[in-house]
All heavy atoms as atom14 arrays in JSON, in Angstrom:
{
  "sequence": "AADAMTNARDFDEFLIGEDPWRDKPHGYGEQRGLAKQMRATAEAL",
  "atom14_mask": [
    [1, 1, 1, 1, 1, 0, 0, 0, 0, 0, 0, 0, 0, 0],
    [1, 1, 1, 1, 1, 0, 0, 0, 0, 0, 0, 0, 0, 0],
    [1, 1, 1, 1, 1, 1, 1, 1, 0, 0, 0, 0, 0, 0],
    [1, 1, 1, 1, 1, 0, 0, 0, 0, 0, 0, 0, 0, 0],
    [1, 1, 1, 1, 1, 1, 1, 1, 0, 0, 0, 0, 0, 0],
    [1, 1, 1, 1, 1, 1, 1, 0, 0, 0, 0, 0, 0, 0],
    [1, 1, 1, 1, 1, 1, 1, 1, 0, 0, 0, 0, 0, 0],
    [1, 1, 1, 1, 1, 0, 0, 0, 0, 0, 0, 0, 0, 0],
    [1, 1, 1, 1, 1, 1, 1, 1, 1, 1, 1, 0, 0, 0],
    [1, 1, 1, 1, 1, 1, 1, 1, 0, 0, 0, 0, 0, 0],
    [1, 1, 1, 1, 1, 1, 1, 1, 1, 1, 1, 0, 0, 0],
    [1, 1, 1, 1, 1, 1, 1, 1, 0, 0, 0, 0, 0, 0],
    [1, 1, 1, 1, 1, 1, 1, 1, 1, 0, 0, 0, 0, 0],
    [1, 1, 1, 1, 1, 1, 1, 1, 1, 1, 1, 0, 0, 0],
    [1, 1, 1, 1, 1, 1, 1, 1, 0, 0, 0, 0, 0, 0],
    [1, 1, 1, 1, 1, 1, 1, 1, 0, 0, 0, 0, 0, 0],
    [1, 1, 1, 1, 0, 0, 0, 0, 0, 0, 0, 0, 0, 0],
    [1, 1, 1, 1, 1, 1, 1, 1, 1, 0, 0, 0, 0, 0],
    [1, 1, 1, 1, 1, 1, 1, 1, 0, 0, 0, 0, 0, 0],
    [1, 1, 1, 1, 1, 1, 1, 0, 0, 0, 0, 0, 0, 0],
    [1, 1, 1, 1, 1, 1, 1, 1, 1, 1, 1, 1, 1, 1],
    [1, 1, 1, 1, 1, 1, 1, 1, 1, 1, 1, 0, 0, 0],
    [1, 1, 1, 1, 1, 1, 1, 1, 0, 0, 0, 0, 0, 0],
    [1, 1, 1, 1, 1, 1, 1, 1, 1, 0, 0, 0, 0, 0],
    [1, 1, 1, 1, 1, 1, 1, 0, 0, 0, 0, 0, 0, 0],
    [1, 1, 1, 1, 1, 1, 1, 1, 1, 1, 0, 0, 0, 0],
    [1, 1, 1, 1, 0, 0, 0, 0, 0, 0, 0, 0, 0, 0],
    [1, 1, 1, 1, 1, 1, 1, 1, 1, 1, 1, 1, 0, 0],
    [1, 1, 1, 1, 0, 0, 0, 0, 0, 0, 0, 0, 0, 0],
    [1, 1, 1, 1, 1, 1, 1, 1, 1, 0, 0, 0, 0, 0],
    [1, 1, 1, 1, 1, 1, 1, 1, 1, 0, 0, 0, 0, 0],
    [1, 1, 1, 1, 1, 1, 1, 1, 1, 1, 1, 0, 0, 0],
    [1, 1, 1, 1, 0, 0, 0, 0, 0, 0, 0, 0, 0, 0],
    [1, 1, 1, 1, 1, 1, 1, 1, 0, 0, 0, 0, 0, 0],
    [1, 1, 1, 1, 1, 0, 0, 0, 0, 0, 0, 0, 0, 0],
    [1, 1, 1, 1, 1, 1, 1, 1, 1, 0, 0, 0, 0, 0],
    [1, 1, 1, 1, 1, 1, 1, 1, 1, 0, 0, 0, 0, 0],
    [1, 1, 1, 1, 1, 1, 1, 1, 0, 0, 0, 0, 0, 0],
    [1, 1, 1, 1, 1, 1, 1, 1, 1, 1, 1, 0, 0, 0],
    [1, 1, 1, 1, 1, 0, 0, 0, 0, 0, 0, 0, 0, 0],
    [1, 1, 1, 1, 1, 1, 1, 0, 0, 0, 0, 0, 0, 0],
    [1, 1, 1, 1, 1, 0, 0, 0, 0, 0, 0, 0, 0, 0],
    [1, 1, 1, 1, 1, 1, 1, 1, 1, 0, 0, 0, 0, 0],
    [1, 1, 1, 1, 1, 0, 0, 0, 0, 0, 0, 0, 0, 0],
    [1, 1, 1, 1, 1, 1, 1, 1, 0, 0, 0, 0, 0, 0]
  ],
  "atom14_positions": [
    [[-0.2, -0.45, -17.04], [-1.23, 0.04, -16.13], [-1.79, -1.09, -15.27], [-1.98, -0.93, -14.06], [-2.36, 0.7, -16.92], [0.0, 0.0, 0.0], [0.0, 0.0, 0.0], [0.0, 0.0, 0.0], [0.0, 0.0, 0.0], [0.0, 0.0, 0.0], [0.0, 0.0, 0.0], [0.0, 0.0, 0.0], [0.0, 0.0, 0.0], [0.0, 0.0, 0.0]],
    [[-2.01, -2.26, -15.88], [-2.52, -3.41, -15.12], [-1.51, -3.87, -14.08], [-1.87, -4.18, -12.93], [-2.87, -4.54, -16.07], [0.0, 0.0, 0.0], [0.0, 0.0, 0.0], [0.0, 0.0, 0.0], [0.0, 0.0, 0.0], [0.0, 0.0, 0.0], [0.0, 0.0, 0.0], [0.0, 0.0, 0.0], [0.0, 0.0, 0.0], [0.0, 0.0, 0.0]],
    [[-0.22, -3.89, -14.45], [0.83, -4.28, -13.51], [0.93, -3.3, -12.36], [1.07, -3.7, -11.2], [2.18, -4.39, -14.22], [2.28, -5.57, -15.16], [1.4, -6.46, -15.08], [3.22, -5.6, -15.96], [0.0, 0.0, 0.0], [0.0, 0.0, 0.0], [0.0, 0.0, 0.0], [0.0, 0.0, 0.0], [0.0, 0.0, 0.0], [0.0, 0.0, 0.0]],
    [[0.84, -2.0, -12.67], [0.91, -0.98, -11.63], [-0.28, -1.11, -10.67], [-0.13, -0.98, -9.45], [0.94, 0.41, -12.25], [0.0, 0.0, 0.0], [0.0, 0.0, 0.0], [0.0, 0.0, 0.0], [0.0, 0.0, 0.0], [0.0, 0.0, 0.0], [0.0, 0.0, 0.0], [0.0, 0.0, 0.0], [0.0, 0.0, 0.0], [0.0, 0.0, 0.0]],
    [[-1.45, -1.39, -11.21], [-2.64, -1.56, -10.37], [-2.5, -2.78, -9.47], [-2.83, -2.73, -8.28], [-3.89, -1.67, -11.25], [-5.19, -1.5, -10.5], [-5.41, 0.13, -9.78], [-5.98, 1.04, -11.18], [0.0, 0.0, 0.0], [0.0, 0.0, 0.0], [0.0, 0.0, 0.0], [0.0, 0.0, 0.0], [0.0, 0.0, 0.0], [0.0, 0.0, 0.0]],
    [[-1.97, -3.87, -10.02], [-1.76, -5.08, -9.23], [-0.74, -4.83, -8.12], [-0.96, -5.23, -6.97], [-1.27, -6.23, -10.13], [-2.27, -6.5, -11.11], [-1.0, -7.49, -9.34], [0.0, 0.0, 0.0], [0.0, 0.0, 0.0], [0.0, 0.0, 0.0], [0.0, 0.0, 0.0], [0.0, 0.0, 0.0], [0.0, 0.0, 0.0], [0.0, 0.0, 0.0]],
    [[0.35, -4.15, -8.45], [1.37, -3.85, -7.44], [0.81, -2.97, -6.33], [1.07, -3.2, -5.15], [2.58, -3.17, -8.08], [3.37, -4.1, -8.96], [3.28, -5.32, -8.84], [4.15, -3.54, -9.87], [0.0, 0.0, 0.0], [0.0, 0.0, 0.0], [0.0, 0.0, 0.0], [0.0, 0.0, 0.0], [0.0, 0.0, 0.0], [0.0, 0.0, 0.0]],
    [[0.04, -1.95, -6.71], [-0.55, -1.06, -5.72], [-1.52, -1.82, -4.82], [-1.53, -1.66, -3.59], [-1.27, 0.11, -6.41], [0.0, 0.0, 0.0], [0.0, 0.0, 0.0], [0.0, 0.0, 0.0], [0.0, 0.0, 0.0], [0.0, 0.0, 0.0], [0.0, 0.0, 0.0], [0.0, 0.0, 0.0], [0.0, 0.0, 0.0], [0.0, 0.0, 0.0]],
    [[-2.33, -2.68, -5.41], [-3.3, -3.47, -4.64], [-2.59, -4.44, -3.69], [-2.97, -4.56, -2.52], [-4.22, -4.23, -5.6], [-5.44, -4.82, -4.93], [-6.39, -5.47, -5.93], [-6.65, -4.64, -7.09], [-6.34, -4.97, -8.35], [-5.78, -6.13, -8.62], [-6.61, -4.16, -9.34], [0.0, 0.0, 0.0], [0.0, 0.0, 0.0], [0.0, 0.0, 0.0]],
    [[-1.56, -5.1, -4.18], [-0.8, -6.03, -3.34], [-0.14, -5.32, -2.17], [-0.16, -5.82, -1.03], [0.26, -6.77, -4.17], [-0.33, -7.77, -5.14], [-1.55, -8.07, -5.02], [0.41, -8.25, -6.01], [0.0, 0.0, 0.0], [0.0, 0.0, 0.0], [0.0, 0.0, 0.0], [0.0, 0.0, 0.0], [0.0, 0.0, 0.0], [0.0, 0.0, 0.0]],
    [[0.46, -4.17, -2.43], [1.12, -3.42, -1.36], [0.1, -2.94, -0.34], [0.33, -3.01, 0.87], [1.9, -2.25, -1.95], [2.76, -1.52, -0.96], [3.75, -2.19, -0.27], [2.6, -0.17, -0.73], [4.56, -1.53, 0.65], [3.39, 0.5, 0.18], [4.38, -0.18, 0.87], [0.0, 0.0, 0.0], [0.0, 0.0, 0.0], [0.0, 0.0, 0.0]],
    [[-1.03, -2.48, -0.83], [-2.1, -2.02, 0.06], [-2.6, -3.17, 0.94], [-2.79, -3.0, 2.15], [-3.26, -1.47, -0.77], [-3.96, -0.31, -0.11], [-3.37, 0.3, 0.8], [-5.1, -0.02, -0.49], [0.0, 0.0, 0.0], [0.0, 0.0, 0.0], [0.0, 0.0, 0.0], [0.0, 0.0, 0.0], [0.0, 0.0, 0.0], [0.0, 0.0, 0.0]],
    [[-2.82, -4.34, 0.35], [-3.27, -5.5, 1.12], [-2.23, -5.92, 2.15], [-2.57, -6.32, 3.26], [-3.6, -6.67, 0.19], [-4.88, -6.46, -0.59], [-5.15, -7.56, -1.6], [-4.38, -8.56, -1.62], [-6.1, -7.42, -2.38], [0.0, 0.0, 0.0], [0.0, 0.0, 0.0], [0.0, 0.0, 0.0], [0.0, 0.0, 0.0], [0.0, 0.0, 0.0]],
    [[-0.95, -5.81, 1.81], [0.11, -6.13, 2.74], [0.06, -5.19, 3.95], [0.19, -5.63, 5.1], [1.47, -6.01, 2.04], [2.63, -6.06, 2.98], [3.04, -7.26, 3.54], [3.33, -4.9, 3.29], [4.12, -7.3, 4.41], [4.41, -4.95, 4.16], [4.81, -6.15, 4.71], [0.0, 0.0, 0.0], [0.0, 0.0, 0.0], [0.0, 0.0, 0.0]],
    [[-0.18, -3.91, 3.69], [-0.21, -2.94, 4.79], [-1.46, -3.08, 5.65], [-1.42, -2.84, 6.85], [-0.12, -1.51, 4.25], [1.22, -1.11, 3.65], [1.13, 0.29, 3.07], [2.33, -1.2, 4.67], [0.0, 0.0, 0.0], [0.0, 0.0, 0.0], [0.0, 0.0, 0.0], [0.0, 0.0, 0.0], [0.0, 0.0, 0.0], [0.0, 0.0, 0.0]],
    [[-2.56, -3.46, 5.04], [-3.82, -3.58, 5.77], [-3.9, -4.9, 6.52], [-4.66, -5.03, 7.47], [-5.01, -3.42, 4.8], [-5.03, -2.0, 4.25], [-6.33, -3.73, 5.48], [-6.04, -1.77, 3.17], [0.0, 0.0, 0.0], [0.0, 0.0, 0.0], [0.0, 0.0, 0.0], [0.0, 0.0, 0.0], [0.0, 0.0, 0.0], [0.0, 0.0, 0.0]],
    [[-3.08, -5.87, 6.13], [-3.12, -7.19, 6.76], [-3.15, -7.13, 8.28], [-2.67, -6.18, 8.9], [0.0, 0.0, 0.0], [0.0, 0.0, 0.0], [0.0, 0.0, 0.0], [0.0, 0.0, 0.0], [0.0, 0.0, 0.0], [0.0, 0.0, 0.0], [0.0, 0.0, 0.0], [0.0, 0.0, 0.0], [0.0, 0.0, 0.0], [0.0, 0.0, 0.0]],
    [[-3.74, -8.14, 8.87], [-3.9, -8.17, 10.34], [-2.54, -8.27, 11.02], [-1.69, -9.07, 10.66], [-4.76, -9.36, 10.73], [-5.14, -9.34, 12.19], [-6.11, -10.45, 12.54], [-6.87, -10.85, 11.65], [-6.06, -10.91, 13.68], [0.0, 0.0, 0.0], [0.0, 0.0, 0.0], [0.0, 0.0, 0.0], [0.0, 0.0, 0.0], [0.0, 0.0, 0.0]],
    [[-2.33, -7.43, 12.01], [-1.09, -7.4, 12.78], [-1.36, -8.06, 14.13], [-2.09, -7.52, 14.95], [-0.64, -5.95, 12.96], [0.71, -5.83, 13.64], [1.36, -6.86, 13.89], [1.11, -4.7, 13.94], [0.0, 0.0, 0.0], [0.0, 0.0, 0.0], [0.0, 0.0, 0.0], [0.0, 0.0, 0.0], [0.0, 0.0, 0.0], [0.0, 0.0, 0.0]],
    [[-0.77, -9.24, 14.4], [-1.06, -9.93, 15.67], [-0.62, -9.15, 16.9], [-1.16, -9.33, 17.97], [-0.29, -11.25, 15.54], [0.75, -11.0, 14.52], [0.2, -9.95, 13.6], [0.0, 0.0, 0.0], [0.0, 0.0, 0.0], [0.0, 0.0, 0.0], [0.0, 0.0, 0.0], [0.0, 0.0, 0.0], [0.0, 0.0, 0.0], [0.0, 0.0, 0.0]],
    [[0.34, -8.24, 16.75], [0.82, -7.46, 17.89], [0.0, -6.19, 18.07], [0.22, -5.45, 19.02], [2.3, -7.12, 17.7], [3.15, -8.34, 17.6], [3.69, -8.86, 16.47], [3.5, -9.21, 18.66], [4.37, -10.0, 16.75], [4.28, -10.25, 18.09], [3.26, -9.25, 20.02], [4.81, -11.28, 18.84], [3.8, -10.29, 20.76], [4.56, -11.28, 20.18]],
    [[-0.91, -5.95, 17.16], [-1.76, -4.76, 17.2], [-0.93, -3.47, 17.28], [-1.3, -2.5, 17.89], [-2.74, -4.82, 18.36], [-3.61, -6.04, 18.35], [-5.07, -5.63, 18.29], [-5.91, -6.79, 18.41], [-6.43, -7.43, 17.38], [-6.17, -7.05, 16.17], [-7.21, -8.46, 17.55], [0.0, 0.0, 0.0], [0.0, 0.0, 0.0], [0.0, 0.0, 0.0]],
    [[0.21, -3.51, 16.65], [1.08, -2.35, 16.63], [1.55, -2.17, 15.18], [1.74, -3.15, 14.47], [2.27, -2.58, 17.55], [3.02, -1.3, 17.85], [2.49, -0.22, 17.54], [4.14, -1.4, 18.38], [0.0, 0.0, 0.0], [0.0, 0.0, 0.0], [0.0, 0.0, 0.0], [0.0, 0.0, 0.0], [0.0, 0.0, 0.0], [0.0, 0.0, 0.0]],
    [[1.71, -0.96, 14.8], [2.15, -0.7, 13.43], [3.66, -0.51, 13.42], [4.23, 0.05, 14.35], [1.46, 0.57, 12.88], [-0.05, 0.46, 12.85], [-0.5, -0.7, 12.01], [-2.01, -0.81, 12.01], [-2.5, -2.05, 11.52], [0.0, 0.0, 0.0], [0.0, 0.0, 0.0], [0.0, 0.0, 0.0], [0.0, 0.0, 0.0], [0.0, 0.0, 0.0]],
    [[4.32, -0.98, 12.35], [5.79, -0.87, 12.29], [6.23, 0.58, 12.13], [5.45, 1.45, 11.76], [6.14, -1.69, 11.05], [4.92, -1.67, 10.21], [3.76, -1.6, 11.18], [0.0, 0.0, 0.0], [0.0, 0.0, 0.0], [0.0, 0.0, 0.0], [0.0, 0.0, 0.0], [0.0, 0.0, 0.0], [0.0, 0.0, 0.0], [0.0, 0.0, 0.0]],
    [[7.48, 0.81, 12.43], [8.07, 2.13, 12.25], [7.95, 2.53, 10.77], [8.25, 1.74, 9.89], [9.54, 2.12, 12.68], [10.21, 3.43, 12.52], [9.88, 4.52, 13.29], [11.16, 3.84, 11.65], [10.62, 5.55, 12.92], [11.4, 5.16, 11.93], [0.0, 0.0, 0.0], [0.0, 0.0, 0.0], [0.0, 0.0, 0.0], [0.0, 0.0, 0.0]],
    [[7.5, 3.72, 10.52], [7.35, 4.2, 9.15], [6.03, 3.79, 8.5], [5.87, 3.94, 7.29], [0.0, 0.0, 0.0], [0.0, 0.0, 0.0], [0.0, 0.0, 0.0], [0.0, 0.0, 0.0], [0.0, 0.0, 0.0], [0.0, 0.0, 0.0], [0.0, 0.0, 0.0], [0.0, 0.0, 0.0], [0.0, 0.0, 0.0], [0.0, 0.0, 0.0]],
    [[5.08, 3.31, 9.29], [3.81, 2.85, 8.73], [3.09, 3.98, 7.99], [2.55, 3.78, 6.91], [2.91, 2.29, 9.84], [1.57, 1.82, 9.35], [1.45, 0.61, 8.68], [0.42, 2.59, 9.55], [0.23, 0.16, 8.22], [-0.81, 2.14, 9.09], [-0.9, 0.93, 8.43], [-2.11, 0.5, 7.97], [0.0, 0.0, 0.0], [0.0, 0.0, 0.0]],
    [[3.11, 5.18, 8.57], [2.45, 6.32, 7.93], [3.04, 6.62, 6.56], [2.32, 6.89, 5.61], [0.0, 0.0, 0.0], [0.0, 0.0, 0.0], [0.0, 0.0, 0.0], [0.0, 0.0, 0.0], [0.0, 0.0, 0.0], [0.0, 0.0, 0.0], [0.0, 0.0, 0.0], [0.0, 0.0, 0.0], [0.0, 0.0, 0.0], [0.0, 0.0, 0.0]],
    [[4.35, 6.55, 6.47], [5.02, 6.8, 5.2], [4.68, 5.7, 4.19], [4.51, 5.95, 3.0], [6.54, 6.88, 5.39], [7.02, 8.12, 6.09], [6.85, 8.08, 7.61], [6.49, 7.0, 8.16], [7.05, 9.11, 8.25], [0.0, 0.0, 0.0], [0.0, 0.0, 0.0], [0.0, 0.0, 0.0], [0.0, 0.0, 0.0], [0.0, 0.0, 0.0]],
    [[4.58, 4.47, 4.69], [4.22, 3.37, 3.81], [2.8, 3.54, 3.29], [2.51, 3.24, 2.12], [4.37, 2.03, 4.53], [5.81, 1.66, 4.81], [5.93, 0.39, 5.63], [4.95, -0.16, 6.12], [7.16, -0.09, 5.77], [0.0, 0.0, 0.0], [0.0, 0.0, 0.0], [0.0, 0.0, 0.0], [0.0, 0.0, 0.0], [0.0, 0.0, 0.0]],
    [[1.89, 4.0, 4.14], [0.51, 4.27, 3.69], [0.5, 5.38, 2.64], [-0.23, 5.31, 1.66], [-0.39, 4.65, 4.87], [-0.64, 3.55, 5.88], [-1.35, 2.35, 5.33], [-2.64, 2.72, 4.8], [-3.26, 2.07, 3.83], [-2.71, 1.01, 3.3], [-4.42, 2.47, 3.4], [0.0, 0.0, 0.0], [0.0, 0.0, 0.0], [0.0, 0.0, 0.0]],
    [[1.34, 6.38, 2.86], [1.45, 7.46, 1.87], [1.97, 6.95, 0.54], [1.49, 7.34, -0.53], [0.0, 0.0, 0.0], [0.0, 0.0, 0.0], [0.0, 0.0, 0.0], [0.0, 0.0, 0.0], [0.0, 0.0, 0.0], [0.0, 0.0, 0.0], [0.0, 0.0, 0.0], [0.0, 0.0, 0.0], [0.0, 0.0, 0.0], [0.0, 0.0, 0.0]],
    [[2.95, 6.05, 0.61], [3.49, 5.45, -0.61], [2.42, 4.62, -1.31], [2.28, 4.66, -2.54], [4.71, 4.57, -0.29], [5.33, 3.84, -1.47], [5.84, 4.82, -2.52], [6.47, 2.94, -0.99], [0.0, 0.0, 0.0], [0.0, 0.0, 0.0], [0.0, 0.0, 0.0], [0.0, 0.0, 0.0], [0.0, 0.0, 0.0], [0.0, 0.0, 0.0]],
    [[1.64, 3.87, -0.54], [0.57, 3.06, -1.13], [-0.46, 3.95, -1.83], [-0.92, 3.64, -2.93], [-0.12, 2.22, -0.05], [0.0, 0.0, 0.0], [0.0, 0.0, 0.0], [0.0, 0.0, 0.0], [0.0, 0.0, 0.0], [0.0, 0.0, 0.0], [0.0, 0.0, 0.0], [0.0, 0.0, 0.0], [0.0, 0.0, 0.0], [0.0, 0.0, 0.0]],
    [[-0.78, 5.08, -1.2], [-1.74, 6.02, -1.81], [-1.17, 6.58, -3.11], [-1.88, 6.7, -4.11], [-2.04, 7.14, -0.82], [-3.07, 8.11, -1.29], [-3.37, 9.15, -0.22], [-4.41, 10.13, -0.7], [-4.7, 11.14, 0.32], [0.0, 0.0, 0.0], [0.0, 0.0, 0.0], [0.0, 0.0, 0.0], [0.0, 0.0, 0.0], [0.0, 0.0, 0.0]],
    [[0.12, 6.91, -3.1], [0.77, 7.44, -4.3], [0.81, 6.39, -5.41], [0.58, 6.69, -6.58], [2.18, 7.9, -3.94], [2.89, 8.61, -5.06], [4.26, 9.08, -4.62], [4.89, 8.49, -3.73], [4.74, 10.15, -5.23], [0.0, 0.0, 0.0], [0.0, 0.0, 0.0], [0.0, 0.0, 0.0], [0.0, 0.0, 0.0], [0.0, 0.0, 0.0]],
    [[1.08, 5.13, -5.03], [1.1, 4.05, -6.02], [-0.28, 3.87, -6.65], [-0.39, 3.65, -7.86], [1.54, 2.74, -5.36], [3.02, 2.67, -5.02], [3.47, 1.19, -4.09], [3.23, -0.09, -5.32], [0.0, 0.0, 0.0], [0.0, 0.0, 0.0], [0.0, 0.0, 0.0], [0.0, 0.0, 0.0], [0.0, 0.0, 0.0], [0.0, 0.0, 0.0]],
    [[-1.33, 3.94, -5.84], [-2.7, 3.82, -6.37], [-3.01, 4.94, -7.34], [-3.58, 4.72, -8.41], [-3.72, 3.83, -5.23], [-4.14, 2.49, -4.75], [-5.37, 2.52, -3.85], [-5.41, 3.62, -2.92], [-4.79, 3.66, -1.73], [-4.07, 2.65, -1.35], [-4.92, 4.7, -0.93], [0.0, 0.0, 0.0], [0.0, 0.0, 0.0], [0.0, 0.0, 0.0]],
    [[-2.63, 6.18, -6.96], [-2.89, 7.33, -7.83], [-2.15, 7.19, -9.16], [-2.72, 7.47, -10.23], [-2.49, 8.62, -7.14], [0.0, 0.0, 0.0], [0.0, 0.0, 0.0], [0.0, 0.0, 0.0], [0.0, 0.0, 0.0], [0.0, 0.0, 0.0], [0.0, 0.0, 0.0], [0.0, 0.0, 0.0], [0.0, 0.0, 0.0], [0.0, 0.0, 0.0]],
    [[-0.91, 6.74, -9.12], [-0.14, 6.54, -10.34], [-0.76, 5.45, -11.21], [-0.88, 5.6, -12.43], [1.32, 6.18, -10.0], [1.89, 7.23, -9.22], [2.15, 5.95, -11.24], [0.0, 0.0, 0.0], [0.0, 0.0, 0.0], [0.0, 0.0, 0.0], [0.0, 0.0, 0.0], [0.0, 0.0, 0.0], [0.0, 0.0, 0.0], [0.0, 0.0, 0.0]],
    [[-1.17, 4.36, -10.58], [-1.8, 3.26, -11.32], [-3.11, 3.71, -11.96], [-3.38, 3.37, -13.12], [-2.05, 2.08, -10.39], [0.0, 0.0, 0.0], [0.0, 0.0, 0.0], [0.0, 0.0, 0.0], [0.0, 0.0, 0.0], [0.0, 0.0, 0.0], [0.0, 0.0, 0.0], [0.0, 0.0, 0.0], [0.0, 0.0, 0.0], [0.0, 0.0, 0.0]],
    [[-3.9, 4.49, -11.24], [-5.16, 4.98, -11.8], [-4.9, 5.93, -12.97], [-5.6, 5.87, -13.99], [-5.98, 5.67, -10.72], [-6.56, 4.69, -9.71], [-7.16, 5.37, -8.48], [-7.12, 6.62, -8.39], [-7.65, 4.63, -7.61], [0.0, 0.0, 0.0], [0.0, 0.0, 0.0], [0.0, 0.0, 0.0], [0.0, 0.0, 0.0], [0.0, 0.0, 0.0]],
    [[-3.88, 6.8, -12.85], [-3.55, 7.71, -13.95], [-3.08, 6.93, -15.17], [-3.46, 7.25, -16.31], [-2.47, 8.7, -13.5], [0.0, 0.0, 0.0], [0.0, 0.0, 0.0], [0.0, 0.0, 0.0], [0.0, 0.0, 0.0], [0.0, 0.0, 0.0], [0.0, 0.0, 0.0], [0.0, 0.0, 0.0], [0.0, 0.0, 0.0], [0.0, 0.0, 0.0]],
    [[-2.27, 5.89, -14.97], [-1.83, 5.06, -16.09], [-3.01, 4.34, -16.74], [-3.07, 4.21, -17.97], [-0.81, 4.02, -15.62], [0.63, 4.5, -15.48], [1.47, 3.43, -14.79], [1.21, 4.84, -16.83], [0.0, 0.0, 0.0], [0.0, 0.0, 0.0], [0.0, 0.0, 0.0], [0.0, 0.0, 0.0], [0.0, 0.0, 0.0], [0.0, 0.0, 0.0]]
  ]
}
């Protein structure tokens, strides 16, 4: 559970990180969805 929470937090921080081009990469929405799913799984664990 602790590992899953750390992984979810790290992935979330990676996605939220500042983008110098002020543009989001292709598939950003799906990546945010994956991050949300990872957080939910980590919280359930």
